[in-house]
Amino acid sequence: MFGITVFLASIGLVIATAAFLSGMQLLKKDYAAVILRIHRLNGYITFLIFISLALLSLSGKGGIKPLSITAWCAGGVVSLFKIWVVKDKRGYKYGTRLGILLFIIWLVIIYTHVVK
C-alpha cells in the first residue's frame, strides 16, 4: 500500500501544479474555454486524489489520530475556501495566494508520504 500512496501523492502534485498554472493563465484574463475546462478538470482530479489519500492515510497501520484528521480537514477546508473565493468573483485578488497555499499543502503531502 505504500507504493500506491506515494504514486497518488506524486500524481496529485503534478496535477495541482498544472491546475495552478492554468489558473494563473485564467487570471490574466485569457478566458479560453479550453483553459477553463482543463483547470476545472485538474481541480476535480486533484481534490479526488486528496480525498483518496486522506482515506488511505487514516486507514493505515497507526489508526485514526486526531492530528491527522485535523490536518486532512484543514487541507480540505483550504480547497473548498478557494472554490468559494473564485465563485464569489474574488479570484483575481486572492486566487494566487490560495493556489500557492494549495501547492504547499501538496508538498507537505508528498513529504509525509515519501519520508515515512
Protein backbone atom coordinates (compact mmCIF):
# COMPACT_ATOMS: atom_id res chain seq x y z
CA MET A 1 0.00 0.00 0.00
CA PHE A 2 2.99 2.30 0.47
CA GLY A 3 3.62 2.40 -3.28
CA ILE A 4 0.06 3.43 -4.04
CA THR A 5 0.11 6.42 -1.67
CA VAL A 6 3.46 7.65 -2.99
CA PHE A 7 2.22 7.29 -6.57
CA LEU A 8 -1.05 9.11 -5.84
CA ALA A 9 0.74 11.88 -3.94
CA SER A 10 3.19 12.38 -6.81
CA ILE A 11 0.44 12.47 -9.43
CA GLY A 12 -1.55 14.85 -7.23
CA LEU A 13 1.41 17.23 -7.01
CA VAL A 14 1.84 17.23 -10.79
CA ILE A 15 -1.86 17.84 -11.40
CA ALA A 16 -2.00 20.51 -8.68
CA THR A 17 0.91 22.28 -10.39
CA ALA A 18 -0.88 22.11 -13.74
CA ALA A 19 -4.06 23.46 -12.13
CA PHE A 20 -2.11 26.32 -10.56
CA LEU A 21 -0.54 27.26 -13.90
CA SER A 22 -3.82 27.10 -15.79
CA GLY A 23 -5.43 29.18 -13.04
CA MET A 24 -2.72 31.80 -13.46
CA GLN A 25 -3.50 31.93 -17.17
CA LEU A 26 -7.15 32.49 -16.36
CA LEU A 27 -6.29 35.37 -14.02
CA LYS A 28 -4.53 37.16 -16.84
CA LYS A 29 -7.96 37.46 -18.47
CA ASP A 30 -7.12 34.82 -21.05
CA TYR A 31 -10.56 33.25 -20.81
CA ALA A 32 -10.17 30.49 -23.33
CA ALA A 33 -12.83 27.84 -22.89
CA VAL A 34 -10.23 25.09 -23.22
CA ILE A 35 -8.06 26.51 -20.43
CA LEU A 36 -11.11 26.84 -18.16
CA ARG A 37 -12.10 23.22 -18.79
CA ILE A 38 -8.55 21.99 -18.19
CA HIS A 39 -8.36 23.99 -14.96
CA ARG A 40 -11.65 22.59 -13.66
CA LEU A 41 -10.75 19.03 -14.63
CA ASN A 42 -7.37 19.34 -12.93
CA GLY A 43 -9.06 20.73 -9.83
CA TYR A 44 -11.60 17.92 -9.64
CA ILE A 45 -8.96 15.24 -10.15
CA THR A 46 -6.67 16.85 -7.57
CA PHE A 47 -9.46 17.01 -4.99
CA LEU A 48 -10.41 13.36 -5.62
CA ILE A 49 -6.79 12.31 -5.17
CA PHE A 50 -6.65 14.41 -2.00
CA ILE A 51 -9.71 12.65 -0.58
CA SER A 52 -8.41 9.20 -1.54
CA LEU A 53 -5.03 9.91 0.07
CA ALA A 54 -6.78 11.11 3.22
CA LEU A 55 -8.82 7.92 3.41
CA LEU A 56 -5.77 5.74 2.74
CA SER A 57 -3.74 7.62 5.32
CA LEU A 58 -6.40 7.45 8.01
CA SER A 59 -6.97 3.75 7.46
CA GLY A 60 -3.28 2.89 7.80
CA LYS A 61 -1.43 0.92 10.47
CA GLY A 62 -1.39 3.64 13.11
CA GLY A 63 -5.15 4.00 13.16
CA ILE A 64 -7.04 7.24 13.30
CA LYS A 65 -5.17 10.04 15.05
CA PRO A 66 -6.78 13.38 15.93
CA LEU A 67 -3.85 15.35 14.50
CA SER A 68 -4.11 13.52 11.18
CA ILE A 69 -7.82 14.19 10.94
CA THR A 70 -7.25 17.85 11.74
CA ALA A 71 -4.52 18.18 9.10
CA TRP A 72 -6.53 16.49 6.34
CA CYS A 73 -9.64 18.51 7.22
CA ALA A 74 -7.62 21.74 7.15
CA GLY A 75 -6.36 20.92 3.66
CA GLY A 76 -9.90 20.18 2.53
CA VAL A 77 -11.17 23.43 4.02
CA VAL A 78 -8.49 25.39 2.14
CA SER A 79 -9.56 23.70 -1.11
CA LEU A 80 -13.23 24.43 -0.52
CA PHE A 81 -12.42 28.00 0.53
CA LYS A 82 -10.53 28.54 -2.72
CA ILE A 83 -13.54 27.32 -4.69
CA TRP A 84 -15.78 29.71 -2.76
CA VAL A 85 -13.42 32.65 -3.36
CA VAL A 86 -13.35 32.01 -7.09
CA LYS A 87 -17.12 31.54 -7.30
CA ASP A 88 -17.57 34.83 -5.39
CA LYS A 89 -15.56 36.65 -8.11
CA ARG A 90 -12.63 37.41 -5.81
CA GLY A 91 -10.25 35.13 -7.65
CA TYR A 92 -8.15 37.95 -9.03
CA LYS A 93 -7.36 39.28 -5.57
CA TYR A 94 -6.95 36.06 -3.56
CA GLY A 95 -6.70 33.22 -6.07
CA THR A 96 -2.93 33.29 -6.44
CA ARG A 97 -2.28 33.18 -2.70
CA LEU A 98 -4.68 30.30 -2.20
CA GLY A 99 -3.24 28.47 -5.19
CA ILE A 100 0.23 28.76 -3.71
CA LEU A 101 -1.14 27.56 -0.37
CA LEU A 102 -2.68 24.51 -2.07
CA PHE A 103 0.66 23.82 -3.77
CA ILE A 104 2.40 23.96 -0.38
CA ILE A 105 -0.21 21.57 1.02
CA TRP A 106 0.68 19.11 -1.76
CA LEU A 107 4.37 19.47 -0.92
CA VAL A 108 3.54 18.57 2.69
CA ILE A 109 1.51 15.59 1.49
CA ILE A 110 4.43 14.41 -0.65
CA TYR A 111 6.82 14.86 2.29
CA THR A 112 4.63 12.91 4.70
CA HIS A 113 4.07 10.02 2.30
CA VAL A 114 7.58 9.73 0.92
CA VAL A 115 9.59 10.18 4.13
CA LYS A 116 7.65 7.64 6.17
